[in-house]
Amino acid sequence: MKFCSQETVLHLWFPNLFYFKGGIQLYSAFFLEALQTLYPKKYYDVFLKHDTRCLPDFNFLTNTQFHFTGNYPLALRTPGFATKIAGYGIWRRPNLIISTHLNFTVAAYWLKRLLGIP
C-alpha cells in the first residue's frame, strides 16, 4: 500500500456533514479534521450522500474535493451514490477507502475484491 507516498488519494464516504448534526455526522467531521491534521499533503475525495453543498464556514484543506448526491431525488439517491462511489473508486483507484456508515461497505467490499483497494 502506498499510504506514505505523496500521491495518496483517500476516499471518505459519509452520509452527510453539513445539514444535520447527529452522532455519525459529528464523528465524520472530527474524523476528517483529524486525518487532515495528520496527513495534510494527501488528497481527499469526500463523498456525501445527503448533502447538496459545503457550508461556507467549514474549514478543510484545498486538496479536498467534495462530491454530493443530496440533490438527487430520494428514490434515486442510494443507487446514484453507489454508482458515484464505485465509479470514482474504479477511476481514481484510491489508496484507502474509509466509510463511517455500515451501509456503504458493500461497495467497498466489491472494490477491494475486484481492485484490491483496502
PDB file of N, CA and C in Angstrom:
ATOM      1  N   MET A   1       0.837  -1.177   0.000  1.00  0.00           N
ATOM      2  CA  MET A   1       0.000   0.000   0.000  1.00  0.00           C
ATOM      3  C   MET A   1       0.882   1.240   0.000  1.00  0.00           C
ATOM      4  N   LYS A   2       0.537   2.247  -0.824  1.00  0.00           N
ATOM      5  CA  LYS A   2       1.337   3.453  -0.969  1.00  0.00           C
ATOM      6  C   LYS A   2       0.868   4.567  -0.036  1.00  0.00           C
ATOM      7  N   PHE A   3       0.453   4.245   1.170  1.00  0.00           N
ATOM      8  CA  PHE A   3      -0.161   5.244   2.038  1.00  0.00           C
ATOM      9  C   PHE A   3       0.776   6.402   2.358  1.00  0.00           C
ATOM     10  N   CYS A   4       2.074   6.202   2.367  1.00  0.00           N
ATOM     11  CA  CYS A   4       3.010   7.259   2.730  1.00  0.00           C
ATOM     12  C   CYS A   4       3.493   8.059   1.529  1.00  0.00           C
ATOM     13  N   SER A   5       3.077   7.703   0.333  1.00  0.00           N
ATOM     14  CA  SER A   5       3.526   8.443  -0.846  1.00  0.00           C
ATOM     15  C   SER A   5       2.775   9.765  -0.967  1.00  0.00           C
ATOM     16  N   GLN A   6       3.324  10.679  -1.760  1.00  0.00           N
ATOM     17  CA  GLN A   6       2.712  11.990  -1.948  1.00  0.00           C
ATOM     18  C   GLN A   6       1.418  11.901  -2.753  1.00  0.00           C
ATOM     19  N   GLU A   7       1.275  10.890  -3.604  1.00  0.00           N
ATOM     20  CA  GLU A   7       0.111  10.783  -4.473  1.00  0.00           C
ATOM     21  C   GLU A   7      -1.069  10.096  -3.805  1.00  0.00           C
ATOM     22  N   THR A   8      -1.024   9.915  -2.538  1.00  0.00           N
ATOM     23  CA  THR A   8      -2.068   9.165  -1.855  1.00  0.00           C
ATOM     24  C   THR A   8      -3.422   9.844  -1.992  1.00  0.00           C
ATOM     25  N   VAL A   9      -4.383   9.057  -2.443  1.00  0.00           N
ATOM     26  CA  VAL A   9      -5.767   9.510  -2.542  1.00  0.00           C
ATOM     27  C   VAL A   9      -6.580   8.697  -1.544  1.00  0.00           C
ATOM     28  N   LEU A  10      -7.292   9.390  -0.687  1.00  0.00           N
ATOM     29  CA  LEU A  10      -8.171   8.742   0.283  1.00  0.00           C
ATOM     30  C   LEU A  10      -9.613   9.031  -0.094  1.00  0.00           C
ATOM     31  N   HIS A  11     -10.433   8.000  -0.118  1.00  0.00           N
ATOM     32  CA  HIS A  11     -11.867   8.175  -0.312  1.00  0.00           C
ATOM     33  C   HIS A  11     -12.531   8.084   1.046  1.00  0.00           C
ATOM     34  N   LEU A  12     -13.328   9.076   1.354  1.00  0.00           N
ATOM     35  CA  LEU A  12     -14.094   9.098   2.599  1.00  0.00           C
ATOM     36  C   LEU A  12     -15.568   9.139   2.226  1.00  0.00           C
ATOM     37  N   TRP A  13     -16.306   8.161   2.681  1.00  0.00           N
ATOM     38  CA  TRP A  13     -17.722   8.038   2.352  1.00  0.00           C
ATOM     39  C   TRP A  13     -18.540   8.308   3.606  1.00  0.00           C
ATOM     40  N   PHE A  14     -19.281   9.418   3.608  1.00  0.00           N
ATOM     41  CA  PHE A  14     -20.067   9.836   4.763  1.00  0.00           C
ATOM     42  C   PHE A  14     -21.530  10.011   4.355  1.00  0.00           C
ATOM     43  N   PRO A  15     -22.463   9.770   5.284  1.00  0.00           N
ATOM     44  CA  PRO A  15     -23.868  10.062   4.973  1.00  0.00           C
ATOM     45  C   PRO A  15     -24.074  11.557   4.708  1.00  0.00           C
ATOM     46  N   ASN A  16     -23.576  12.392   5.595  1.00  0.00           N
ATOM     47  CA  ASN A  16     -23.624  13.847   5.425  1.00  0.00           C
ATOM     48  C   ASN A  16     -22.772  14.497   6.508  1.00  0.00           C
ATOM     49  N   LEU A  17     -22.438  15.767   6.272  1.00  0.00           N
ATOM     50  CA  LEU A  17     -21.620  16.535   7.218  1.00  0.00           C
ATOM     51  C   LEU A  17     -22.248  17.875   7.581  1.00  0.00           C
ATOM     52  N   PHE A  18     -22.939  18.499   6.660  1.00  0.00           N
ATOM     53  CA  PHE A  18     -23.232  19.921   6.769  1.00  0.00           C
ATOM     54  C   PHE A  18     -24.631  20.275   7.258  1.00  0.00           C
ATOM     55  N   TYR A  19     -25.650  19.529   6.915  1.00  0.00           N
ATOM     56  CA  TYR A  19     -27.012  19.995   7.164  1.00  0.00           C
ATOM     57  C   TYR A  19     -27.754  19.215   8.232  1.00  0.00           C
ATOM     58  N   PHE A  20     -27.080  18.332   8.918  1.00  0.00           N
ATOM     59  CA  PHE A  20     -27.666  17.603  10.033  1.00  0.00           C
ATOM     60  C   PHE A  20     -26.530  17.255  10.974  1.00  0.00           C
ATOM     61  N   LYS A  21     -26.732  17.389  12.252  1.00  0.00           N
ATOM     62  CA  LYS A  21     -25.657  17.136  13.218  1.00  0.00           C
ATOM     63  C   LYS A  21     -26.059  16.056  14.208  1.00  0.00           C
ATOM     64  N   GLY A  22     -25.994  14.815  13.775  1.00  0.00           N
ATOM     65  CA  GLY A  22     -26.190  13.678  14.661  1.00  0.00           C
ATOM     66  C   GLY A  22     -24.852  13.060  14.998  1.00  0.00           C
ATOM     67  N   GLY A  23     -24.878  11.876  15.575  1.00  0.00           N
ATOM     68  CA  GLY A  23     -23.650  11.212  16.001  1.00  0.00           C
ATOM     69  C   GLY A  23     -22.697  10.888  14.868  1.00  0.00           C
ATOM     70  N   ILE A  24     -23.216  10.291  13.786  1.00  0.00           N
ATOM     71  CA  ILE A  24     -22.349   9.927  12.659  1.00  0.00           C
ATOM     72  C   ILE A  24     -21.774  11.179  12.002  1.00  0.00           C
ATOM     73  N   GLN A  25     -22.567  12.227  11.913  1.00  0.00           N
ATOM     74  CA  GLN A  25     -22.102  13.454  11.270  1.00  0.00           C
ATOM     75  C   GLN A  25     -20.997  14.121  12.081  1.00  0.00           C
ATOM     76  N   LEU A  26     -21.167  14.190  13.392  1.00  0.00           N
ATOM     77  CA  LEU A  26     -20.122  14.779  14.232  1.00  0.00           C
ATOM     78  C   LEU A  26     -18.855  13.938  14.201  1.00  0.00           C
ATOM     79  N   TYR A  27     -19.022  12.623  14.283  1.00  0.00           N
ATOM     80  CA  TYR A  27     -17.866  11.735  14.200  1.00  0.00           C
ATOM     81  C   TYR A  27     -17.155  11.919  12.860  1.00  0.00           C
ATOM     82  N   SER A  28     -17.914  11.969  11.773  1.00  0.00           N
ATOM     83  CA  SER A  28     -17.324  12.117  10.439  1.00  0.00           C
ATOM     84  C   SER A  28     -16.566  13.430  10.309  1.00  0.00           C
ATOM     85  N   ALA A  29     -17.130  14.515  10.831  1.00  0.00           N
ATOM     86  CA  ALA A  29     -16.469  15.820  10.757  1.00  0.00           C
ATOM     87  C   ALA A  29     -15.166  15.820  11.561  1.00  0.00           C
ATOM     88  N   PHE A  30     -15.201  15.290  12.776  1.00  0.00           N
ATOM     89  CA  PHE A  30     -13.982  15.223  13.588  1.00  0.00           C
ATOM     90  C   PHE A  30     -12.950  14.284  12.965  1.00  0.00           C
ATOM     91  N   PHE A  31     -13.419  13.198  12.375  1.00  0.00           N
ATOM     92  CA  PHE A  31     -12.520  12.245  11.735  1.00  0.00           C
ATOM     93  C   PHE A  31     -11.818  12.882  10.536  1.00  0.00           C
ATOM     94  N   LEU A  32     -12.560  13.606   9.706  1.00  0.00           N
ATOM     95  CA  LEU A  32     -11.964  14.306   8.564  1.00  0.00           C
ATOM     96  C   LEU A  32     -10.942  15.331   9.042  1.00  0.00           C
ATOM     97  N   GLU A  33     -11.289  16.085  10.064  1.00  0.00           N
ATOM     98  CA  GLU A  33     -10.364  17.081  10.607  1.00  0.00           C
ATOM     99  C   GLU A  33      -9.089  16.419  11.140  1.00  0.00           C
ATOM    100  N   ALA A  34      -9.232  15.309  11.847  1.00  0.00           N
ATOM    101  CA  ALA A  34      -8.061  14.606  12.389  1.00  0.00           C
ATOM    102  C   ALA A  34      -7.179  14.059  11.273  1.00  0.00           C
ATOM    103  N   LEU A  35      -7.782  13.454  10.256  1.00  0.00           N
ATOM    104  CA  LEU A  35      -6.999  12.941   9.128  1.00  0.00           C
ATOM    105  C   LEU A  35      -6.227  14.057   8.439  1.00  0.00           C
ATOM    106  N   GLN A  36      -6.888  15.178   8.218  1.00  0.00           N
ATOM    107  CA  GLN A  36      -6.229  16.281   7.523  1.00  0.00           C
ATOM    108  C   GLN A  36      -5.154  16.930   8.382  1.00  0.00           C
ATOM    109  N   THR A  37      -5.279  16.850   9.685  1.00  0.00           N
ATOM    110  CA  THR A  37      -4.222  17.341  10.569  1.00  0.00           C
ATOM    111  C   THR A  37      -3.013  16.407  10.523  1.00  0.00           C
ATOM    112  N   LEU A  38      -3.269  15.112  10.523  1.00  0.00           N
ATOM    113  CA  LEU A  38      -2.181  14.130  10.496  1.00  0.00           C
ATOM    114  C   LEU A  38      -1.521  14.016   9.125  1.00  0.00           C
ATOM    115  N   TYR A  39      -2.306  14.130   8.069  1.00  0.00           N
ATOM    116  CA  TYR A  39      -1.810  13.928   6.702  1.00  0.00           C
ATOM    117  C   TYR A  39      -2.232  15.095   5.805  1.00  0.00           C
ATOM    118  N   PRO A  40      -1.637  16.262   5.973  1.00  0.00           N
ATOM    119  CA  PRO A  40      -2.083  17.439   5.220  1.00  0.00           C
ATOM    120  C   PRO A  40      -1.741  17.404   3.732  1.00  0.00           C
ATOM    121  N   LYS A  41      -0.831  16.543   3.299  1.00  0.00           N
ATOM    122  CA  LYS A  41      -0.431  16.510   1.890  1.00  0.00           C
ATOM    123  C   LYS A  41      -1.165  15.443   1.085  1.00  0.00           C
ATOM    124  N   LYS A  42      -2.057  14.720   1.706  1.00  0.00           N
ATOM    125  CA  LYS A  42      -2.824  13.700   0.994  1.00  0.00           C
ATOM    126  C   LYS A  42      -3.980  14.363   0.251  1.00  0.00           C
ATOM    127  N   TYR A  43      -4.511  13.645  -0.725  1.00  0.00           N
ATOM    128  CA  TYR A  43      -5.679  14.115  -1.469  1.00  0.00           C
ATOM    129  C   TYR A  43      -6.913  13.406  -0.929  1.00  0.00           C
ATOM    130  N   TYR A  44      -7.955  14.173  -0.673  1.00  0.00           N
ATOM    131  CA  TYR A  44      -9.167  13.640  -0.069  1.00  0.00           C
ATOM    132  C   TYR A  44     -10.340  13.820  -1.019  1.00  0.00           C
ATOM    133  N   ASP A  45     -10.966  12.712  -1.391  1.00  0.00           N
ATOM    134  CA  ASP A  45     -12.241  12.734  -2.092  1.00  0.00           C
ATOM    135  C   ASP A  45     -13.290  12.354  -1.061  1.00  0.00           C
ATOM    136  N   VAL A  46     -14.155  13.308  -0.721  1.00  0.00           N
ATOM    137  CA  VAL A  46     -15.175  13.094   0.303  1.00  0.00           C
ATOM    138  C   VAL A  46     -16.526  12.996  -0.395  1.00  0.00           C
ATOM    139  N   PHE A  47     -17.180  11.859  -0.240  1.00  0.00           N
ATOM    140  CA  PHE A  47     -18.466  11.600  -0.875  1.00  0.00           C
ATOM    141  C   PHE A  47     -19.558  11.707   0.181  1.00  0.00           C
ATOM    142  N   LEU A  48     -20.543  12.568  -0.084  1.00  0.00           N
ATOM    143  CA  LEU A  48     -21.604  12.848   0.877  1.00  0.00           C
ATOM    144  C   LEU A  48     -22.950  12.494   0.252  1.00  0.00           C
ATOM    145  N   LYS A  49     -23.626  11.546   0.845  1.00  0.00           N
ATOM    146  CA  LYS A  49     -24.866  11.044   0.258  1.00  0.00           C
ATOM    147  C   LYS A  49     -26.006  12.055   0.331  1.00  0.00           C
ATOM    148  N   HIS A  50     -26.195  12.720   1.453  1.00  0.00           N
ATOM    149  CA  HIS A  50     -27.382  13.554   1.633  1.00  0.00           C
ATOM    150  C   HIS A  50     -27.131  15.057   1.529  1.00  0.00           C
ATOM    151  N   ASP A  51     -25.903  15.490   1.541  1.00  0.00           N
ATOM    152  CA  ASP A  51     -25.617  16.925   1.446  1.00  0.00           C
ATOM    153  C   ASP A  51     -25.662  17.386  -0.004  1.00  0.00           C
ATOM    154  N   THR A  52     -25.943  18.684  -0.182  1.00  0.00           N
ATOM    155  CA  THR A  52     -26.023  19.257  -1.528  1.00  0.00           C
ATOM    156  C   THR A  52     -24.866  20.199  -1.829  1.00  0.00           C
ATOM    157  N   ARG A  53     -24.231  20.730  -0.786  1.00  0.00           N
ATOM    158  CA  ARG A  53     -23.099  21.648  -0.968  1.00  0.00           C
ATOM    159  C   ARG A  53     -22.409  21.844   0.376  1.00  0.00           C
ATOM    160  N   CYS A  54     -21.233  22.474   0.332  1.00  0.00           N
ATOM    161  CA  CYS A  54     -20.484  22.785   1.559  1.00  0.00           C
ATOM    162  C   CYS A  54     -21.070  24.012   2.236  1.00  0.00           C
ATOM    163  N   LEU A  55     -20.920  24.072   3.521  1.00  0.00           N
ATOM    164  CA  LEU A  55     -21.226  25.302   4.244  1.00  0.00           C
ATOM    165  C   LEU A  55     -20.046  26.255   4.090  1.00  0.00           C
ATOM    166  N   PRO A  56     -20.299  27.548   3.979  1.00  0.00           N
ATOM    167  CA  PRO A  56     -19.199  28.487   3.752  1.00  0.00           C
ATOM    168  C   PRO A  56     -18.202  28.577   4.904  1.00  0.00           C
ATOM    169  N   ASP A  57     -18.604  28.276   6.123  1.00  0.00           N
ATOM    170  CA  ASP A  57     -17.704  28.416   7.269  1.00  0.00           C
ATOM    171  C   ASP A  57     -16.997  27.108   7.636  1.00  0.00           C
ATOM    172  N   PHE A  58     -17.102  26.089   6.788  1.00  0.00           N
ATOM    173  CA  PHE A  58     -16.465  24.800   7.065  1.00  0.00           C
ATOM    174  C   PHE A  58     -15.033  24.838   6.554  1.00  0.00           C
ATOM    175  N   ASN A  59     -14.070  24.599   7.446  1.00  0.00           N
ATOM    176  CA  ASN A  59     -12.653  24.643   7.070  1.00  0.00           C
ATOM    177  C   ASN A  59     -12.170  23.264   6.642  1.00  0.00           C
ATOM    178  N   PHE A  60     -11.511  23.228   5.495  1.00  0.00           N
ATOM    179  CA  PHE A  60     -10.912  21.997   5.004  1.00  0.00           C
ATOM    180  C   PHE A  60      -9.729  22.372   4.126  1.00  0.00           C
ATOM    181  N   LEU A  61      -8.862  21.408   3.870  1.00  0.00           N
ATOM    182  CA  LEU A  61      -7.678  21.651   3.053  1.00  0.00           C
ATOM    183  C   LEU A  61      -8.062  21.821   1.590  1.00  0.00           C
ATOM    184  N   THR A  62      -7.228  22.540   0.845  1.00  0.00           N
ATOM    185  CA  THR A  62      -7.519  22.765  -0.571  1.00  0.00           C
ATOM    186  C   THR A  62      -7.402  21.486  -1.394  1.00  0.00           C
ATOM    187  N   ASN A  63      -6.708  20.486  -0.881  1.00  0.00           N
ATOM    188  CA  ASN A  63      -6.593  19.219  -1.599  1.00  0.00           C
ATOM    189  C   ASN A  63      -7.740  18.270  -1.240  1.00  0.00           C
ATOM    190  N   THR A  64      -8.873  18.845  -0.853  1.00  0.00           N
ATOM    191  CA  THR A  64     -10.076  18.092  -0.528  1.00  0.00           C
ATOM    192  C   THR A  64     -11.146  18.421  -1.554  1.00  0.00           C
ATOM    193  N   GLN A  65     -11.723  17.389  -2.136  1.00  0.00           N
ATOM    194  CA  GLN A  65     -12.815  17.591  -3.083  1.00  0.00           C
ATOM    195  C   GLN A  65     -14.051  16.884  -2.549  1.00  0.00           C
ATOM    196  N   PHE A  66     -15.161  17.614  -2.522  1.00  0.00           N
ATOM    197  CA  PHE A  66     -16.422  17.057  -2.052  1.00  0.00           C
ATOM    198  C   PHE A  66     -17.275  16.658  -3.249  1.00  0.00           C
ATOM    199  N   HIS A  67     -17.964  15.534  -3.103  1.00  0.00           N
ATOM    200  CA  HIS A  67     -18.865  15.015  -4.131  1.00  0.00           C
ATOM    201  C   HIS A  67     -20.225  14.809  -3.463  1.00  0.00           C
ATOM    202  N   PHE A  68     -21.263  15.391  -4.034  1.00  0.00           N
ATOM    203  CA  PHE A  68     -22.585  15.409  -3.404  1.00  0.00           C
ATOM    204  C   PHE A  68     -23.611  14.643  -4.236  1.00  0.00           C
ATOM    205  N   THR A  69     -24.530  13.966  -3.562  1.00  0.00           N
ATOM    206  CA  THR A  69     -25.685  13.376  -4.234  1.00  0.00           C
ATOM    207  C   THR A  69     -26.987  13.787  -3.545  1.00  0.00           C
ATOM    208  N   GLY A  70     -26.935  14.771  -2.670  1.00  0.00           N
ATOM    209  CA  GLY A  70     -28.112  15.200  -1.926  1.00  0.00           C
ATOM    210  C   GLY A  70     -29.185  15.856  -2.764  1.00  0.00           C
ATOM    211  N   ASN A  71     -28.854  16.341  -3.962  1.00  0.00           N
ATOM    212  CA  ASN A  71     -29.885  16.942  -4.809  1.00  0.00           C
ATOM    213  C   ASN A  71     -30.489  15.925  -5.780  1.00  0.00           C
ATOM    214  N   TYR A  72     -30.108  14.665  -5.683  1.00  0.00           N
ATOM    215  CA  TYR A  72     -30.774  13.613  -6.451  1.00  0.00           C
ATOM    216  C   TYR A  72     -32.133  13.365  -5.794  1.00  0.00           C
ATOM    217  N   PRO A  73     -33.152  12.980  -6.565  1.00  0.00           N
ATOM    218  CA  PRO A  73     -34.424  12.599  -5.935  1.00  0.00           C
ATOM    219  C   PRO A  73     -34.191  11.452  -4.945  1.00  0.00           C
ATOM    220  N   LEU A  74     -34.943  11.455  -3.874  1.00  0.00           N
ATOM    221  CA  LEU A  74     -34.727  10.482  -2.802  1.00  0.00           C
ATOM    222  C   LEU A  74     -34.755   9.039  -3.308  1.00  0.00           C
ATOM    223  N   ALA A  75     -35.638   8.738  -4.251  1.00  0.00           N
ATOM    224  CA  ALA A  75     -35.731   7.374  -4.777  1.00  0.00           C
ATOM    225  C   ALA A  75     -34.480   6.966  -5.553  1.00  0.00           C
ATOM    226  N   LEU A  76     -33.751   7.939  -6.092  1.00  0.00           N
ATOM    227  CA  LEU A  76     -32.552   7.658  -6.882  1.00  0.00           C
ATOM    228  C   LEU A  76     -31.256   7.920  -6.127  1.00  0.00           C
ATOM    229  N   ARG A  77     -31.364   8.437  -4.917  1.00  0.00           N
ATOM    230  CA  ARG A  77     -30.162   8.854  -4.194  1.00  0.00           C
ATOM    231  C   ARG A  77     -29.239   7.683  -3.844  1.00  0.00           C
ATOM    232  N   THR A  78     -29.788   6.601  -3.336  1.00  0.00           N
ATOM    233  CA  THR A  78     -28.943   5.458  -2.975  1.00  0.00           C
ATOM    234  C   THR A  78     -28.277   4.835  -4.200  1.00  0.00           C
ATOM    235  N   PRO A  79     -29.033   4.529  -5.281  1.00  0.00           N
ATOM    236  CA  PRO A  79     -28.334   3.999  -6.458  1.00  0.00           C
ATOM    237  C   PRO A  79     -27.368   5.011  -7.071  1.00  0.00           C
ATOM    238  N   GLY A  80     -27.708   6.287  -7.028  1.00  0.00           N
ATOM    239  CA  GLY A  80     -26.802   7.317  -7.550  1.00  0.00           C
ATOM    240  C   GLY A  80     -25.520   7.420  -6.741  1.00  0.00           C
ATOM    241  N   PHE A  81     -25.650   7.366  -5.425  1.00  0.00           N
ATOM    242  CA  PHE A  81     -24.475   7.416  -4.558  1.00  0.00           C
ATOM    243  C   PHE A  81     -23.603   6.181  -4.771  1.00  0.00           C
ATOM    244  N   ALA A  82     -24.230   5.009  -4.850  1.00  0.00           N
ATOM    245  CA  ALA A  82     -23.476   3.766  -5.065  1.00  0.00           C
ATOM    246  C   ALA A  82     -22.735   3.808  -6.397  1.00  0.00           C
ATOM    247  N   THR A  83     -23.389   4.314  -7.424  1.00  0.00           N
ATOM    248  CA  THR A  83     -22.747   4.431  -8.739  1.00  0.00           C
ATOM    249  C   THR A  83     -21.577   5.397  -8.684  1.00  0.00           C
ATOM    250  N   LYS A  84     -21.768   6.505  -7.981  1.00  0.00           N
ATOM    251  CA  LYS A  84     -20.707   7.516  -7.894  1.00  0.00           C
ATOM    252  C   LYS A  84     -19.489   6.984  -7.142  1.00  0.00           C
ATOM    253  N   ILE A  85     -19.687   6.356  -5.981  1.00  0.00           N
ATOM    254  CA  ILE A  85     -18.532   5.878  -5.219  1.00  0.00           C
ATOM    255  C   ILE A  85     -17.837   4.719  -5.929  1.00  0.00           C
ATOM    256  N   ALA A  86     -18.612   3.855  -6.579  1.00  0.00           N
ATOM    257  CA  ALA A  86     -17.995   2.748  -7.323  1.00  0.00           C
ATOM    258  C   ALA A  86     -17.248   3.277  -8.548  1.00  0.00           C
ATOM    259  N   GLY A  87     -17.868   4.201  -9.271  1.00  0.00           N
ATOM    260  CA  GLY A  87     -17.226   4.763 -10.464  1.00  0.00           C
ATOM    261  C   GLY A  87     -15.944   5.510 -10.147  1.00  0.00           C
ATOM    262  N   TYR A  88     -15.991   6.350  -9.128  1.00  0.00           N
ATOM    263  CA  TYR A  88     -14.777   7.069  -8.726  1.00  0.00           C
ATOM    264  C   TYR A  88     -13.730   6.110  -8.156  1.00  0.00           C
ATOM    265  N   GLY A  89     -14.184   5.042  -7.506  1.00  0.00           N
ATOM    266  CA  GLY A  89     -13.243   4.047  -6.996  1.00  0.00           C
ATOM    267  C   GLY A  89     -12.485   3.362  -8.117  1.00  0.00           C
ATOM    268  N   ILE A  90     -13.196   3.028  -9.181  1.00  0.00           N
ATOM    269  CA  ILE A  90     -12.553   2.397 -10.339  1.00  0.00           C
ATOM    270  C   ILE A  90     -11.656   3.395 -11.057  1.00  0.00           C
ATOM    271  N   TRP A  91     -12.133   4.634 -11.222  1.00  0.00           N
ATOM    272  CA  TRP A  91     -11.392   5.650 -11.976  1.00  0.00           C
ATOM    273  C   TRP A  91     -10.165   6.151 -11.217  1.00  0.00           C
ATOM    274  N   ARG A  92     -10.350   6.533  -9.963  1.00  0.00           N
ATOM    275  CA  ARG A  92      -9.260   7.155  -9.199  1.00  0.00           C
ATOM    276  C   ARG A  92      -8.361   6.145  -8.484  1.00  0.00           C
ATOM    277  N   ARG A  93      -8.849   4.932  -8.280  1.00  0.00           N
ATOM    278  CA  ARG A  93      -8.088   3.898  -7.569  1.00  0.00           C
ATOM    279  C   ARG A  93      -7.480   4.438  -6.274  1.00  0.00           C
ATOM    280  N   PRO A  94      -8.322   4.797  -5.305  1.00  0.00           N
ATOM    281  CA  PRO A  94      -7.787   5.354  -4.061  1.00  0.00           C
ATOM    282  C   PRO A  94      -6.910   4.348  -3.330  1.00  0.00           C
ATOM    283  N   ASN A  95      -6.022   4.868  -2.512  1.00  0.00           N
ATOM    284  CA  ASN A  95      -5.157   4.008  -1.711  1.00  0.00           C
ATOM    285  C   ASN A  95      -5.897   3.408  -0.522  1.00  0.00           C
ATOM    286  N   LEU A  96      -6.947   4.088  -0.092  1.00  0.00           N
ATOM    287  CA  LEU A  96      -7.706   3.644   1.070  1.00  0.00           C
ATOM    288  C   LEU A  96      -9.113   4.211   0.984  1.00  0.00           C
ATOM    289  N   ILE A  97     -10.095   3.389   1.341  1.00  0.00           N
ATOM    290  CA  ILE A  97     -11.489   3.827   1.437  1.00  0.00           C
ATOM    291  C   ILE A  97     -11.892   3.727   2.898  1.00  0.00           C
ATOM    292  N   ILE A  98     -12.462   4.816   3.413  1.00  0.00           N
ATOM    293  CA  ILE A  98     -12.957   4.826   4.791  1.00  0.00           C
ATOM    294  C   ILE A  98     -14.418   5.250   4.748  1.00  0.00           C
ATOM    295  N   SER A  99     -15.272   4.443   5.346  1.00  0.00           N
ATOM    296  CA  SER A  99     -16.695   4.735   5.406  1.00  0.00           C
ATOM    297  C   SER A  99     -17.110   4.870   6.862  1.00  0.00           C
ATOM    298  N   THR A 100     -17.972   5.833   7.135  1.00  0.00           N
ATOM    299  CA  THR A 100     -18.462   5.983   8.506  1.00  0.00           C
ATOM    300  C   THR A 100     -19.880   5.436   8.657  1.00  0.00           C
ATOM    301  N   HIS A 101     -20.370   4.745   7.646  1.00  0.00           N
ATOM    302  CA  HIS A 101     -21.689   4.126   7.751  1.00  0.00           C
ATOM    303  C   HIS A 101     -21.631   2.714   7.187  1.00  0.00           C
ATOM    304  N   LEU A 102     -22.187   1.790   7.913  1.00  0.00           N
ATOM    305  CA  LEU A 102     -22.143   0.379   7.550  1.00  0.00           C
ATOM    306  C   LEU A 102     -22.770   0.096   6.187  1.00  0.00           C
ATOM    307  N   ASN A 103     -23.799   0.839   5.807  1.00  0.00           N
ATOM    308  CA  ASN A 103     -24.483   0.578   4.539  1.00  0.00           C
ATOM    309  C   ASN A 103     -23.583   0.767   3.324  1.00  0.00           C
ATOM    310  N   PHE A 104     -22.515   1.531   3.448  1.00  0.00           N
ATOM    311  CA  PHE A 104     -21.640   1.796   2.305  1.00  0.00           C
ATOM    312  C   PHE A 104     -20.584   0.706   2.110  1.00  0.00           C
ATOM    313  N   THR A 105     -20.508  -0.229   3.025  1.00  0.00           N
ATOM    314  CA  THR A 105     -19.425  -1.214   2.968  1.00  0.00           C
ATOM    315  C   THR A 105     -19.586  -2.238   1.848  1.00  0.00           C
ATOM    316  N   VAL A 106     -20.778  -2.394   1.308  1.00  0.00           N
ATOM    317  CA  VAL A 106     -20.969  -3.334   0.199  1.00  0.00           C
ATOM    318  C   VAL A 106     -20.152  -2.879  -1.007  1.00  0.00           C
ATOM    319  N   ALA A 107     -20.230  -1.595  -1.334  1.00  0.00           N
ATOM    320  CA  ALA A 107     -19.433  -1.066  -2.456  1.00  0.00           C
ATOM    321  C   ALA A 107     -17.940  -1.180  -2.152  1.00  0.00           C
ATOM    322  N   ALA A 108     -17.548  -0.907  -0.918  1.00  0.00           N
ATOM    323  CA  ALA A 108     -16.132  -1.017  -0.543  1.00  0.00           C
ATOM    324  C   ALA A 108     -15.657  -2.466  -0.658  1.00  0.00           C
ATOM    325  N   TYR A 109     -16.502  -3.394  -0.277  1.00  0.00           N
ATOM    326  CA  TYR A 109     -16.153  -4.814  -0.382  1.00  0.00           C
ATOM    327  C   TYR A 109     -15.854  -5.184  -1.834  1.00  0.00           C
ATOM    328  N   TRP A 110     -16.714  -4.745  -2.754  1.00  0.00           N
ATOM    329  CA  TRP A 110     -16.510  -5.098  -4.161  1.00  0.00           C
ATOM    330  C   TRP A 110     -15.292  -4.407  -4.753  1.00  0.00           C
ATOM    331  N   LEU A 111     -15.025  -3.175  -4.353  1.00  0.00           N
ATOM    332  CA  LEU A 111     -13.811  -2.504  -4.833  1.00  0.00           C
ATOM    333  C   LEU A 111     -12.560  -3.208  -4.302  1.00  0.00           C
ATOM    334  N   LYS A 112     -12.623  -3.676  -3.074  1.00  0.00           N
ATOM    335  CA  LYS A 112     -11.480  -4.428  -2.533  1.00  0.00           C
ATOM    336  C   LYS A 112     -11.312  -5.751  -3.262  1.00  0.00           C
ATOM    337  N   ARG A 113     -12.410  -6.419  -3.479  1.00  0.00           N
ATOM    338  CA  ARG A 113     -12.343  -7.732  -4.128  1.00  0.00           C
ATOM    339  C   ARG A 113     -11.889  -7.630  -5.588  1.00  0.00           C
ATOM    340  N   LEU A 114     -12.389  -6.643  -6.311  1.00  0.00           N
ATOM    341  CA  LEU A 114     -12.059  -6.515  -7.732  1.00  0.00           C
ATOM    342  C   LEU A 114     -10.717  -5.837  -7.982  1.00  0.00           C
ATOM    343  N   LEU A 115     -10.406  -4.799  -7.170  1.00  0.00           N
ATOM    344  CA  LEU A 115      -9.226  -3.983  -7.441  1.00  0.00           C
ATOM    345  C   LEU A 115      -8.179  -4.019  -6.339  1.00  0.00           C
ATOM    346  N   GLY A 116      -8.490  -4.663  -5.214  1.00  0.00           N
ATOM    347  CA  GLY A 116      -7.536  -4.738  -4.114  1.00  0.00           C
ATOM    348  C   GLY A 116      -7.415  -3.461  -3.312  1.00  0.00           C
ATOM    349  N   ILE A 117      -8.429  -2.601  -3.361  1.00  0.00           N
ATOM    350  CA  ILE A 117      -8.391  -1.336  -2.617  1.00  0.00           C
ATOM    351  C   ILE A 117      -8.808  -1.606  -1.171  1.00  0.00           C
ATOM    352  N   PRO A 118      -7.943  -1.310  -0.213  1.00  0.00           N
ATOM    353  CA  PRO A 118      -8.318  -1.542   1.192  1.00  0.00           C
ATOM    354  C   PRO A 118      -9.296  -0.491   1.704  1.00  0.00           C
TER     355      PRO A 118
END
